[in-house]
PDB file of N, CA and C in Angstrom:
ATOM      1  N   MET A   1       0.845  -1.177   0.000  1.00  0.00           N
ATOM      2  CA  MET A   1       0.000   0.000   0.000  1.00  0.00           C
ATOM      3  C   MET A   1       0.888   1.237   0.000  1.00  0.00           C
ATOM      4  N   GLY A   2       0.655   2.161  -0.939  1.00  0.00           N
ATOM      5  CA  GLY A   2       1.446   3.372  -1.044  1.00  0.00           C
ATOM      6  C   GLY A   2       1.120   4.356   0.073  1.00  0.00           C
ATOM      7  N   ILE A   3       1.988   5.329   0.259  1.00  0.00           N
ATOM      8  CA  ILE A   3       1.794   6.331   1.312  1.00  0.00           C
ATOM      9  C   ILE A   3       0.513   7.133   1.094  1.00  0.00           C
ATOM     10  N   GLU A   4       0.138   7.390  -0.187  1.00  0.00           N
ATOM     11  CA  GLU A   4      -1.096   8.128  -0.449  1.00  0.00           C
ATOM     12  C   GLU A   4      -2.309   7.352   0.074  1.00  0.00           C
ATOM     13  N   ASN A   5      -2.334   6.032  -0.178  1.00  0.00           N
ATOM     14  CA  ASN A   5      -3.446   5.211   0.290  1.00  0.00           C
ATOM     15  C   ASN A   5      -3.478   5.152   1.813  1.00  0.00           C
ATOM     16  N   TYR A   6      -2.315   5.059   2.445  1.00  0.00           N
ATOM     17  CA  TYR A   6      -2.247   5.010   3.906  1.00  0.00           C
ATOM     18  C   TYR A   6      -2.801   6.299   4.505  1.00  0.00           C
ATOM     19  N   SER A   7      -2.419   7.445   3.945  1.00  0.00           N
ATOM     20  CA  SER A   7      -2.917   8.727   4.431  1.00  0.00           C
ATOM     21  C   SER A   7      -4.416   8.836   4.220  1.00  0.00           C
ATOM     22  N   ARG A   8      -4.888   8.353   3.079  1.00  0.00           N
ATOM     23  CA  ARG A   8      -6.321   8.411   2.786  1.00  0.00           C
ATOM     24  C   ARG A   8      -7.113   7.575   3.793  1.00  0.00           C
ATOM     25  N   LEU A   9      -6.615   6.388   4.103  1.00  0.00           N
ATOM     26  CA  LEU A   9      -7.295   5.553   5.092  1.00  0.00           C
ATOM     27  C   LEU A   9      -7.299   6.223   6.453  1.00  0.00           C
ATOM     28  N   ASN A  10      -6.193   6.854   6.815  1.00  0.00           N
ATOM     29  CA  ASN A  10      -6.128   7.528   8.105  1.00  0.00           C
ATOM     30  C   ASN A  10      -7.107   8.686   8.202  1.00  0.00           C
ATOM     31  N   ALA A  11      -7.380   9.350   7.091  1.00  0.00           N
ATOM     32  CA  ALA A  11      -8.322  10.466   7.100  1.00  0.00           C
ATOM     33  C   ALA A  11      -9.722  10.006   7.514  1.00  0.00           C
ATOM     34  N   TYR A  12      -9.986   8.716   7.357  1.00  0.00           N
ATOM     35  CA  TYR A  12     -11.283   8.177   7.763  1.00  0.00           C
ATOM     36  C   TYR A  12     -11.218   7.519   9.139  1.00  0.00           C
ATOM     37  N   ARG A  13     -10.030   7.235   9.627  1.00  0.00           N
ATOM     38  CA  ARG A  13      -9.862   6.612  10.938  1.00  0.00           C
ATOM     39  C   ARG A  13      -9.699   7.658  12.046  1.00  0.00           C
ATOM     40  N   ILE A  14      -8.961   8.723  11.742  1.00  0.00           N
ATOM     41  CA  ILE A  14      -8.742   9.802  12.708  1.00  0.00           C
ATOM     42  C   ILE A  14     -10.068  10.526  12.919  1.00  0.00           C
ATOM     43  N   MET A  15     -10.362  10.851  14.159  1.00  0.00           N
ATOM     44  CA  MET A  15     -11.646  11.448  14.496  1.00  0.00           C
ATOM     45  C   MET A  15     -11.469  12.830  15.117  1.00  0.00           C
ATOM     46  N   TRP A  16     -12.491  13.621  15.004  1.00  0.00           N
ATOM     47  CA  TRP A  16     -12.597  14.895  15.703  1.00  0.00           C
ATOM     48  C   TRP A  16     -13.891  14.853  16.501  1.00  0.00           C
ATOM     49  N   LEU A  17     -13.821  15.336  17.725  1.00  0.00           N
ATOM     50  CA  LEU A  17     -15.011  15.451  18.569  1.00  0.00           C
ATOM     51  C   LEU A  17     -15.370  16.914  18.727  1.00  0.00           C
ATOM     52  N   PHE A  18     -16.651  17.189  18.671  1.00  0.00           N
ATOM     53  CA  PHE A  18     -17.157  18.525  18.945  1.00  0.00           C
ATOM     54  C   PHE A  18     -18.138  18.415  20.105  1.00  0.00           C
ATOM     55  N   VAL A  19     -18.014  19.319  21.050  1.00  0.00           N
ATOM     56  CA  VAL A  19     -18.959  19.395  22.158  1.00  0.00           C
ATOM     57  C   VAL A  19     -19.628  20.761  22.059  1.00  0.00           C
ATOM     58  N   PHE A  20     -20.937  20.741  21.861  1.00  0.00           N
ATOM     59  CA  PHE A  20     -21.756  21.949  21.825  1.00  0.00           C
ATOM     60  C   PHE A  20     -22.550  21.968  23.117  1.00  0.00           C
ATOM     61  N   PHE A  21     -22.598  23.110  23.775  1.00  0.00           N
ATOM     62  CA  PHE A  21     -23.362  23.125  25.012  1.00  0.00           C
ATOM     63  C   PHE A  21     -24.056  24.454  25.225  1.00  0.00           C
ATOM     64  N   ASP A  22     -25.176  24.348  25.899  1.00  0.00           N
ATOM     65  CA  ASP A  22     -25.969  25.499  26.309  1.00  0.00           C
ATOM     66  C   ASP A  22     -26.301  25.261  27.772  1.00  0.00           C
ATOM     67  N   LEU A  23     -25.556  25.906  28.643  1.00  0.00           N
ATOM     68  CA  LEU A  23     -25.734  25.708  30.081  1.00  0.00           C
ATOM     69  C   LEU A  23     -26.280  26.981  30.711  1.00  0.00           C
ATOM     70  N   PRO A  24     -27.162  26.844  31.695  1.00  0.00           N
ATOM     71  CA  PRO A  24     -27.714  28.033  32.343  1.00  0.00           C
ATOM     72  C   PRO A  24     -26.642  28.778  33.142  1.00  0.00           C
ATOM     73  N   THR A  25     -26.812  30.099  33.224  1.00  0.00           N
ATOM     74  CA  THR A  25     -25.895  30.929  34.006  1.00  0.00           C
ATOM     75  C   THR A  25     -26.680  31.896  34.894  1.00  0.00           C
ATOM     76  N   ASP A  26     -27.901  31.499  35.258  1.00  0.00           N
ATOM     77  CA  ASP A  26     -28.782  32.379  36.021  1.00  0.00           C
ATOM     78  C   ASP A  26     -28.319  32.585  37.463  1.00  0.00           C
ATOM     79  N   THR A  27     -27.882  31.522  38.090  1.00  0.00           N
ATOM     80  CA  THR A  27     -27.483  31.609  39.499  1.00  0.00           C
ATOM     81  C   THR A  27     -25.968  31.468  39.625  1.00  0.00           C
ATOM     82  N   LYS A  28     -25.472  31.776  40.821  1.00  0.00           N
ATOM     83  CA  LYS A  28     -24.038  31.629  41.082  1.00  0.00           C
ATOM     84  C   LYS A  28     -23.605  30.170  40.898  1.00  0.00           C
ATOM     85  N   LYS A  29     -24.440  29.233  41.359  1.00  0.00           N
ATOM     86  CA  LYS A  29     -24.141  27.808  41.214  1.00  0.00           C
ATOM     87  C   LYS A  29     -24.107  27.409  39.735  1.00  0.00           C
ATOM     88  N   ASP A  30     -25.058  27.936  38.938  1.00  0.00           N
ATOM     89  CA  ASP A  30     -25.081  27.650  37.499  1.00  0.00           C
ATOM     90  C   ASP A  30     -23.795  28.141  36.829  1.00  0.00           C
ATOM     91  N   ARG A  31     -23.370  29.355  37.178  1.00  0.00           N
ATOM     92  CA  ARG A  31     -22.149  29.906  36.593  1.00  0.00           C
ATOM     93  C   ARG A  31     -20.930  29.077  36.989  1.00  0.00           C
ATOM     94  N   LYS A  32     -20.919  28.596  38.228  1.00  0.00           N
ATOM     95  CA  LYS A  32     -19.817  27.752  38.686  1.00  0.00           C
ATOM     96  C   LYS A  32     -19.801  26.435  37.907  1.00  0.00           C
ATOM     97  N   ASN A  33     -20.972  25.832  37.692  1.00  0.00           N
ATOM     98  CA  ASN A  33     -21.074  24.588  36.919  1.00  0.00           C
ATOM     99  C   ASN A  33     -20.618  24.804  35.476  1.00  0.00           C
ATOM    100  N   TYR A  34     -21.002  25.933  34.903  1.00  0.00           N
ATOM    101  CA  TYR A  34     -20.604  26.288  33.540  1.00  0.00           C
ATOM    102  C   TYR A  34     -19.079  26.396  33.450  1.00  0.00           C
ATOM    103  N   ALA A  35     -18.490  27.152  34.378  1.00  0.00           N
ATOM    104  CA  ALA A  35     -17.031  27.341  34.382  1.00  0.00           C
ATOM    105  C   ALA A  35     -16.305  26.020  34.621  1.00  0.00           C
ATOM    106  N   SER A  36     -16.831  25.209  35.492  1.00  0.00           N
ATOM    107  CA  SER A  36     -16.220  23.912  35.802  1.00  0.00           C
ATOM    108  C   SER A  36     -16.263  22.988  34.582  1.00  0.00           C
ATOM    109  N   PHE A  37     -17.386  22.973  33.880  1.00  0.00           N
ATOM    110  CA  PHE A  37     -17.525  22.139  32.685  1.00  0.00           C
ATOM    111  C   PHE A  37     -16.505  22.548  31.630  1.00  0.00           C
ATOM    112  N   ARG A  38     -16.397  23.861  31.371  1.00  0.00           N
ATOM    113  CA  ARG A  38     -15.422  24.360  30.392  1.00  0.00           C
ATOM    114  C   ARG A  38     -13.995  24.020  30.812  1.00  0.00           C
ATOM    115  N   LYS A  39     -13.699  24.182  32.082  1.00  0.00           N
ATOM    116  CA  LYS A  39     -12.356  23.891  32.595  1.00  0.00           C
ATOM    117  C   LYS A  39     -12.007  22.417  32.396  1.00  0.00           C
ATOM    118  N   GLU A  40     -12.950  21.526  32.661  1.00  0.00           N
ATOM    119  CA  GLU A  40     -12.718  20.085  32.493  1.00  0.00           C
ATOM    120  C   GLU A  40     -12.546  19.711  31.024  1.00  0.00           C
ATOM    121  N   LEU A  41     -13.299  20.374  30.133  1.00  0.00           N
ATOM    122  CA  LEU A  41     -13.119  20.128  28.697  1.00  0.00           C
ATOM    123  C   LEU A  41     -11.694  20.501  28.281  1.00  0.00           C
ATOM    124  N   LYS A  42     -11.241  21.667  28.711  1.00  0.00           N
ATOM    125  CA  LYS A  42      -9.880  22.116  28.366  1.00  0.00           C
ATOM    126  C   LYS A  42      -8.836  21.164  28.947  1.00  0.00           C
ATOM    127  N   LYS A  43      -9.072  20.712  30.170  1.00  0.00           N
ATOM    128  CA  LYS A  43      -8.146  19.782  30.820  1.00  0.00           C
ATOM    129  C   LYS A  43      -8.030  18.476  30.028  1.00  0.00           C
ATOM    130  N   ASP A  44      -9.106  18.093  29.348  1.00  0.00           N
ATOM    131  CA  ASP A  44      -9.121  16.856  28.560  1.00  0.00           C
ATOM    132  C   ASP A  44      -8.650  17.090  27.115  1.00  0.00           C
ATOM    133  N   GLY A  45      -8.118  18.261  26.825  1.00  0.00           N
ATOM    134  CA  GLY A  45      -7.539  18.503  25.506  1.00  0.00           C
ATOM    135  C   GLY A  45      -8.450  19.156  24.495  1.00  0.00           C
ATOM    136  N   PHE A  46      -9.632  19.586  24.897  1.00  0.00           N
ATOM    137  CA  PHE A  46     -10.535  20.286  23.985  1.00  0.00           C
ATOM    138  C   PHE A  46     -10.100  21.743  23.873  1.00  0.00           C
ATOM    139  N   THR A  47     -10.307  22.326  22.700  1.00  0.00           N
ATOM    140  CA  THR A  47     -10.033  23.753  22.510  1.00  0.00           C
ATOM    141  C   THR A  47     -11.308  24.446  22.059  1.00  0.00           C
ATOM    142  N   MET A  48     -11.429  25.707  22.443  1.00  0.00           N
ATOM    143  CA  MET A  48     -12.626  26.465  22.107  1.00  0.00           C
ATOM    144  C   MET A  48     -12.579  26.903  20.648  1.00  0.00           C
ATOM    145  N   MET A  49     -13.631  26.577  19.902  1.00  0.00           N
ATOM    146  CA  MET A  49     -13.783  27.066  18.527  1.00  0.00           C
ATOM    147  C   MET A  49     -14.617  28.340  18.534  1.00  0.00           C
ATOM    148  N   GLN A  50     -15.674  28.320  19.318  1.00  0.00           N
ATOM    149  CA  GLN A  50     -16.566  29.459  19.537  1.00  0.00           C
ATOM    150  C   GLN A  50     -17.067  29.322  20.964  1.00  0.00           C
ATOM    151  N   TYR A  51     -17.756  30.335  21.465  1.00  0.00           N
ATOM    152  CA  TYR A  51     -18.345  30.194  22.782  1.00  0.00           C
ATOM    153  C   TYR A  51     -19.244  28.964  22.774  1.00  0.00           C
ATOM    154  N   SER A  52     -19.085  28.114  23.743  1.00  0.00           N
ATOM    155  CA  SER A  52     -19.901  26.909  23.902  1.00  0.00           C
ATOM    156  C   SER A  52     -19.735  25.883  22.784  1.00  0.00           C
ATOM    157  N   VAL A  53     -18.641  25.965  22.016  1.00  0.00           N
ATOM    158  CA  VAL A  53     -18.305  24.961  21.012  1.00  0.00           C
ATOM    159  C   VAL A  53     -16.829  24.620  21.181  1.00  0.00           C
ATOM    160  N   TYR A  54     -16.560  23.389  21.554  1.00  0.00           N
ATOM    161  CA  TYR A  54     -15.192  22.926  21.778  1.00  0.00           C
ATOM    162  C   TYR A  54     -14.910  21.728  20.891  1.00  0.00           C
ATOM    163  N   SER A  55     -13.658  21.593  20.446  1.00  0.00           N
ATOM    164  CA  SER A  55     -13.297  20.465  19.592  1.00  0.00           C
ATOM    165  C   SER A  55     -12.015  19.812  20.110  1.00  0.00           C
ATOM    166  N   ARG A  56     -11.845  18.554  19.690  1.00  0.00           N
ATOM    167  CA  ARG A  56     -10.674  17.787  20.102  1.00  0.00           C
ATOM    168  C   ARG A  56     -10.323  16.776  19.025  1.00  0.00           C
ATOM    169  N   HIS A  57      -9.036  16.674  18.716  1.00  0.00           N
ATOM    170  CA  HIS A  57      -8.507  15.683  17.784  1.00  0.00           C
ATOM    171  C   HIS A  57      -8.330  14.359  18.520  1.00  0.00           C
ATOM    172  N   CYS A  58      -8.730  13.265  17.896  1.00  0.00           N
ATOM    173  CA  CYS A  58      -8.537  11.928  18.467  1.00  0.00           C
ATOM    174  C   CYS A  58      -7.902  11.044  17.395  1.00  0.00           C
ATOM    175  N   ALA A  59      -6.900  10.284  17.786  1.00  0.00           N
ATOM    176  CA  ALA A  59      -6.152   9.469  16.830  1.00  0.00           C
ATOM    177  C   ALA A  59      -6.966   8.310  16.261  1.00  0.00           C
ATOM    178  N   SER A  60      -8.052   7.927  16.944  1.00  0.00           N
ATOM    179  CA  SER A  60      -8.850   6.789  16.486  1.00  0.00           C
ATOM    180  C   SER A  60     -10.259   6.879  17.055  1.00  0.00           C
ATOM    181  N   SER A  61     -11.099   6.014  16.551  1.00  0.00           N
ATOM    182  CA  SER A  61     -12.462   5.926  17.064  1.00  0.00           C
ATOM    183  C   SER A  61     -12.467   5.487  18.535  1.00  0.00           C
ATOM    184  N   GLU A  62     -11.548   4.586  18.874  1.00  0.00           N
ATOM    185  CA  GLU A  62     -11.459   4.105  20.257  1.00  0.00           C
ATOM    186  C   GLU A  62     -11.061   5.240  21.203  1.00  0.00           C
ATOM    187  N   SER A  63     -10.142   6.078  20.752  1.00  0.00           N
ATOM    188  CA  SER A  63      -9.740   7.241  21.547  1.00  0.00           C
ATOM    189  C   SER A  63     -10.924   8.200  21.708  1.00  0.00           C
ATOM    190  N   ALA A  64     -11.677   8.397  20.642  1.00  0.00           N
ATOM    191  CA  ALA A  64     -12.860   9.262  20.711  1.00  0.00           C
ATOM    192  C   ALA A  64     -13.855   8.726  21.731  1.00  0.00           C
ATOM    193  N   ASP A  65     -14.036   7.405  21.765  1.00  0.00           N
ATOM    194  CA  ASP A  65     -14.941   6.792  22.741  1.00  0.00           C
ATOM    195  C   ASP A  65     -14.531   7.132  24.172  1.00  0.00           C
ATOM    196  N   VAL A  66     -13.227   7.090  24.447  1.00  0.00           N
ATOM    197  CA  VAL A  66     -12.707   7.399  25.781  1.00  0.00           C
ATOM    198  C   VAL A  66     -13.049   8.841  26.158  1.00  0.00           C
ATOM    199  N   HIS A  67     -12.844   9.774  25.225  1.00  0.00           N
ATOM    200  CA  HIS A  67     -13.095  11.182  25.519  1.00  0.00           C
ATOM    201  C   HIS A  67     -14.589  11.483  25.616  1.00  0.00           C
ATOM    202  N   ILE A  68     -15.403  10.767  24.864  1.00  0.00           N
ATOM    203  CA  ILE A  68     -16.852  10.930  24.997  1.00  0.00           C
ATOM    204  C   ILE A  68     -17.287  10.511  26.400  1.00  0.00           C
ATOM    205  N   LYS A  69     -16.765   9.401  26.897  1.00  0.00           N
ATOM    206  CA  LYS A  69     -17.096   8.946  28.259  1.00  0.00           C
ATOM    207  C   LYS A  69     -16.678   9.991  29.286  1.00  0.00           C
ATOM    208  N   ARG A  70     -15.506  10.612  29.085  1.00  0.00           N
ATOM    209  CA  ARG A  70     -15.051  11.645  30.017  1.00  0.00           C
ATOM    210  C   ARG A  70     -16.005  12.831  30.032  1.00  0.00           C
ATOM    211  N   VAL A  71     -16.483  13.227  28.856  1.00  0.00           N
ATOM    212  CA  VAL A  71     -17.442  14.325  28.790  1.00  0.00           C
ATOM    213  C   VAL A  71     -18.741  13.912  29.478  1.00  0.00           C
ATOM    214  N   GLU A  72     -19.198  12.708  29.217  1.00  0.00           N
ATOM    215  CA  GLU A  72     -20.438  12.230  29.849  1.00  0.00           C
ATOM    216  C   GLU A  72     -20.335  12.261  31.372  1.00  0.00           C
ATOM    217  N   ASN A  73     -19.143  12.029  31.895  1.00  0.00           N
ATOM    218  CA  ASN A  73     -18.944  12.015  33.350  1.00  0.00           C
ATOM    219  C   ASN A  73     -18.932  13.398  33.986  1.00  0.00           C
ATOM    220  N   ILE A  74     -18.818  14.463  33.182  1.00  0.00           N
ATOM    221  CA  ILE A  74     -18.768  15.813  33.754  1.00  0.00           C
ATOM    222  C   ILE A  74     -19.987  16.662  33.386  1.00  0.00           C
ATOM    223  N   ILE A  75     -20.978  16.071  32.745  1.00  0.00           N
ATOM    224  CA  ILE A  75     -22.156  16.829  32.324  1.00  0.00           C
ATOM    225  C   ILE A  75     -22.926  17.325  33.551  1.00  0.00           C
ATOM    226  N   PRO A  76     -23.172  18.644  33.617  1.00  0.00           N
ATOM    227  CA  PRO A  76     -23.954  19.195  34.734  1.00  0.00           C
ATOM    228  C   PRO A  76     -25.404  18.717  34.680  1.00  0.00           C
ATOM    229  N   LYS A  77     -26.097  18.850  35.806  1.00  0.00           N
ATOM    230  CA  LYS A  77     -27.495  18.394  35.903  1.00  0.00           C
ATOM    231  C   LYS A  77     -28.433  19.221  35.022  1.00  0.00           C
ATOM    232  N   LYS A  78     -28.105  20.495  34.813  1.00  0.00           N
ATOM    233  CA  LYS A  78     -28.947  21.364  33.986  1.00  0.00           C
ATOM    234  C   LYS A  78     -28.216  21.709  32.697  1.00  0.00           C
ATOM    235  N   GLY A  79     -29.000  21.972  31.645  1.00  0.00           N
ATOM    236  CA  GLY A  79     -28.423  22.410  30.387  1.00  0.00           C
ATOM    237  C   GLY A  79     -28.532  21.353  29.300  1.00  0.00           C
ATOM    238  N   HIS A  80     -27.944  21.676  28.165  1.00  0.00           N
ATOM    239  CA  HIS A  80     -28.030  20.816  26.991  1.00  0.00           C
ATOM    240  C   HIS A  80     -26.627  20.630  26.419  1.00  0.00           C
ATOM    241  N   ILE A  81     -26.218  19.387  26.245  1.00  0.00           N
ATOM    242  CA  ILE A  81     -24.905  19.049  25.699  1.00  0.00           C
ATOM    243  C   ILE A  81     -25.114  18.193  24.452  1.00  0.00           C
ATOM    244  N   THR A  82     -24.390  18.498  23.385  1.00  0.00           N
ATOM    245  CA  THR A  82     -24.404  17.693  22.170  1.00  0.00           C
ATOM    246  C   THR A  82     -22.961  17.342  21.834  1.00  0.00           C
ATOM    247  N   ILE A  83     -22.705  16.071  21.552  1.00  0.00           N
ATOM    248  CA  ILE A  83     -21.381  15.620  21.142  1.00  0.00           C
ATOM    249  C   ILE A  83     -21.493  15.106  19.707  1.00  0.00           C
ATOM    250  N   VAL A  84     -20.618  15.595  18.846  1.00  0.00           N
ATOM    251  CA  VAL A  84     -20.596  15.178  17.446  1.00  0.00           C
ATOM    252  C   VAL A  84     -19.213  14.620  17.148  1.00  0.00           C
ATOM    253  N   ARG A  85     -19.187  13.470  16.471  1.00  0.00           N
ATOM    254  CA  ARG A  85     -17.935  12.825  16.067  1.00  0.00           C
ATOM    255  C   ARG A  85     -17.891  12.829  14.543  1.00  0.00           C
ATOM    256  N   ILE A  86     -16.769  13.338  13.995  1.00  0.00           N
ATOM    257  CA  ILE A  86     -16.602  13.333  12.543  1.00  0.00           C
ATOM    258  C   ILE A  86     -15.194  12.829  12.210  1.00  0.00           C
ATOM    259  N   THR A  87     -15.026  12.390  10.978  1.00  0.00           N
ATOM    260  CA  THR A  87     -13.710  11.908  10.546  1.00  0.00           C
ATOM    261  C   THR A  87     -12.809  13.098  10.204  1.00  0.00           C
ATOM    262  N   ASP A  88     -11.521  12.839  10.145  1.00  0.00           N
ATOM    263  CA  ASP A  88     -10.566  13.870   9.762  1.00  0.00           C
ATOM    264  C   ASP A  88     -10.865  14.365   8.351  1.00  0.00           C
ATOM    265  N   LYS A  89     -11.308  13.472   7.489  1.00  0.00           N
ATOM    266  CA  LYS A  89     -11.678  13.848   6.121  1.00  0.00           C
ATOM    267  C   LYS A  89     -12.822  14.857   6.137  1.00  0.00           C
ATOM    268  N   GLN A  90     -13.843  14.599   6.932  1.00  0.00           N
ATOM    269  CA  GLN A  90     -14.967  15.529   7.039  1.00  0.00           C
ATOM    270  C   GLN A  90     -14.523  16.853   7.655  1.00  0.00           C
ATOM    271  N   TYR A  91     -13.658  16.774   8.655  1.00  0.00           N
ATOM    272  CA  TYR A  91     -13.141  17.975   9.309  1.00  0.00           C
ATOM    273  C   TYR A  91     -12.427  18.868   8.295  1.00  0.00           C
ATOM    274  N   GLY A  92     -11.704  18.248   7.374  1.00  0.00           N
ATOM    275  CA  GLY A  92     -10.978  19.001   6.358  1.00  0.00           C
ATOM    276  C   GLY A  92     -11.883  19.776   5.415  1.00  0.00           C
ATOM    277  N   ASP A  93     -13.156  19.431   5.366  1.00  0.00           N
ATOM    278  CA  ASP A  93     -14.105  20.120   4.495  1.00  0.00           C
ATOM    279  C   ASP A  93     -14.824  21.285   5.176  1.00  0.00           C
ATOM    280  N   ILE A  94     -14.531  21.540   6.454  1.00  0.00           N
ATOM    281  CA  ILE A  94     -15.161  22.651   7.171  1.00  0.00           C
ATOM    282  C   ILE A  94     -14.622  23.969   6.625  1.00  0.00           C
ATOM    283  N   ILE A  95     -15.500  24.936   6.467  1.00  0.00           N
ATOM    284  CA  ILE A  95     -15.106  26.276   6.034  1.00  0.00           C
ATOM    285  C   ILE A  95     -15.461  27.238   7.163  1.00  0.00           C
ATOM    286  N   ASN A  96     -14.487  28.024   7.586  1.00  0.00           N
ATOM    287  CA  ASN A  96     -14.700  29.036   8.625  1.00  0.00           C
ATOM    288  C   ASN A  96     -14.598  30.425   8.012  1.00  0.00           C
ATOM    289  N   TYR A  97     -15.413  31.352   8.492  1.00  0.00           N
ATOM    290  CA  TYR A  97     -15.353  32.737   8.064  1.00  0.00           C
ATOM    291  C   TYR A  97     -15.212  33.638   9.278  1.00  0.00           C
ATOM    292  N   TRP A  98     -14.295  34.577   9.172  1.00  0.00           N
ATOM    293  CA  TRP A  98     -14.158  35.644  10.164  1.00  0.00           C
ATOM    294  C   TRP A  98     -14.405  36.921   9.394  1.00  0.00           C
ATOM    295  N   GLY A  99     -15.564  37.501   9.609  1.00  0.00           N
ATOM    296  CA  GLY A  99     -15.962  38.606   8.760  1.00  0.00           C
ATOM    297  C   GLY A  99     -16.241  38.040   7.375  1.00  0.00           C
ATOM    298  N   SER A 100     -15.706  38.659   6.333  1.00  0.00           N
ATOM    299  CA  SER A 100     -15.945  38.160   4.978  1.00  0.00           C
ATOM    300  C   SER A 100     -14.777  37.326   4.452  1.00  0.00           C
ATOM    301  N   ASN A 101     -13.756  37.112   5.296  1.00  0.00           N
ATOM    302  CA  ASN A 101     -12.582  36.353   4.861  1.00  0.00           C
ATOM    303  C   ASN A 101     -12.649  34.908   5.325  1.00  0.00           C
ATOM    304  N   SER A 102     -12.404  33.991   4.404  1.00  0.00           N
ATOM    305  CA  SER A 102     -12.335  32.575   4.739  1.00  0.00           C
ATOM    306  C   SER A 102     -10.990  32.294   5.379  1.00  0.00           C
ATOM    307  N   GLN A 103     -10.978  31.477   6.420  1.00  0.00           N
ATOM    308  CA  GLN A 103      -9.752  31.115   7.121  1.00  0.00           C
ATOM    309  C   GLN A 103      -9.607  29.606   7.131  1.00  0.00           C
ATOM    310  N   PRO A 104      -8.395  29.092   6.891  1.00  0.00           N
ATOM    311  CA  PRO A 104      -8.201  27.635   6.939  1.00  0.00           C
ATOM    312  C   PRO A 104      -8.316  27.121   8.365  1.00  0.00           C
ATOM    313  N   LEU A 105      -8.707  25.858   8.486  1.00  0.00           N
ATOM    314  CA  LEU A 105      -8.775  25.221   9.794  1.00  0.00           C
ATOM    315  C   LEU A 105      -7.377  24.902  10.291  1.00  0.00           C
ATOM    316  N   GLU A 106      -7.263  24.799  11.582  1.00  0.00           N
ATOM    317  CA  GLU A 106      -6.012  24.384  12.201  1.00  0.00           C
ATOM    318  C   GLU A 106      -5.712  22.952  11.768  1.00  0.00           C
ATOM    319  N   SER A 107      -4.465  22.663  11.462  1.00  0.00           N
ATOM    320  CA  SER A 107      -4.069  21.315  11.054  1.00  0.00           C
ATOM    321  C   SER A 107      -4.137  20.354  12.223  1.00  0.00           C
ATOM    322  N   ALA A 108      -4.300  19.076  11.904  1.00  0.00           N
ATOM    323  CA  ALA A 108      -4.290  18.040  12.932  1.00  0.00           C
ATOM    324  C   ALA A 108      -2.918  18.001  13.588  1.00  0.00           C
ATOM    325  N   PRO A 109      -2.858  17.697  14.867  1.00  0.00           N
ATOM    326  CA  PRO A 109      -1.569  17.601  15.546  1.00  0.00           C
ATOM    327  C   PRO A 109      -0.683  16.539  14.885  1.00  0.00           C
ATOM    328  N   ASN A 110       0.630  16.785  14.864  1.00  0.00           N
ATOM    329  CA  ASN A 110       1.567  15.854  14.265  1.00  0.00           C
ATOM    330  C   ASN A 110       2.009  14.758  15.224  1.00  0.00           C
ATOM    331  N   GLN A 111       1.705  14.925  16.499  1.00  0.00           N
ATOM    332  CA  GLN A 111       2.157  13.945  17.484  1.00  0.00           C
ATOM    333  C   GLN A 111       1.294  12.695  17.470  1.00  0.00           C
ATOM    334  N   LEU A 112       1.870  11.620  17.899  1.00  0.00           N
ATOM    335  CA  LEU A 112       1.159  10.354  18.011  1.00  0.00           C
ATOM    336  C   LEU A 112       0.563  10.265  19.399  1.00  0.00           C
ATOM    337  N   GLU A 113      -0.741   9.972  19.469  1.00  0.00           N
ATOM    338  CA  GLU A 113      -1.419   9.815  20.756  1.00  0.00           C
ATOM    339  C   GLU A 113      -1.269   8.386  21.233  1.00  0.00           C
ATOM    340  N   LEU A 114      -0.796   8.200  22.447  1.00  0.00           N
ATOM    341  CA  LEU A 114      -0.600   6.855  22.978  1.00  0.00           C
ATOM    342  C   LEU A 114      -1.724   6.419  23.885  1.00  0.00           C
ATOM    343  N   PHE A 115      -2.532   7.339  24.371  1.00  0.00           N
ATOM    344  CA  PHE A 115      -3.601   6.969  25.314  1.00  0.00           C
ATOM    345  C   PHE A 115      -4.948   7.289  24.746  1.00  0.00           C
TER     346      PHE A 115
END
């Protein structure tokens, strides 16, 4: 198998996770839960794409499963959380706009994930 085919297969094996959330911030406790949830997402390697939208690169579907379980374990009692899993190939087709200018997406990390 040539290197082009290997890379193509990996584009379908490598996963990206997106966590979308809408959490209440009405009370002091709600705001604390909101801040705690965001802090735990960052601690697990998620980065903010937009307010209440975080993403994370995963080397495989199995790795994505592990991170989904971690998110499930920190979900607050109130609010709405959505987790979306897409392939690296699909991620490469995302188009972002800042104002009227299109911006390329951040490249996948070059490091190998062992856990």
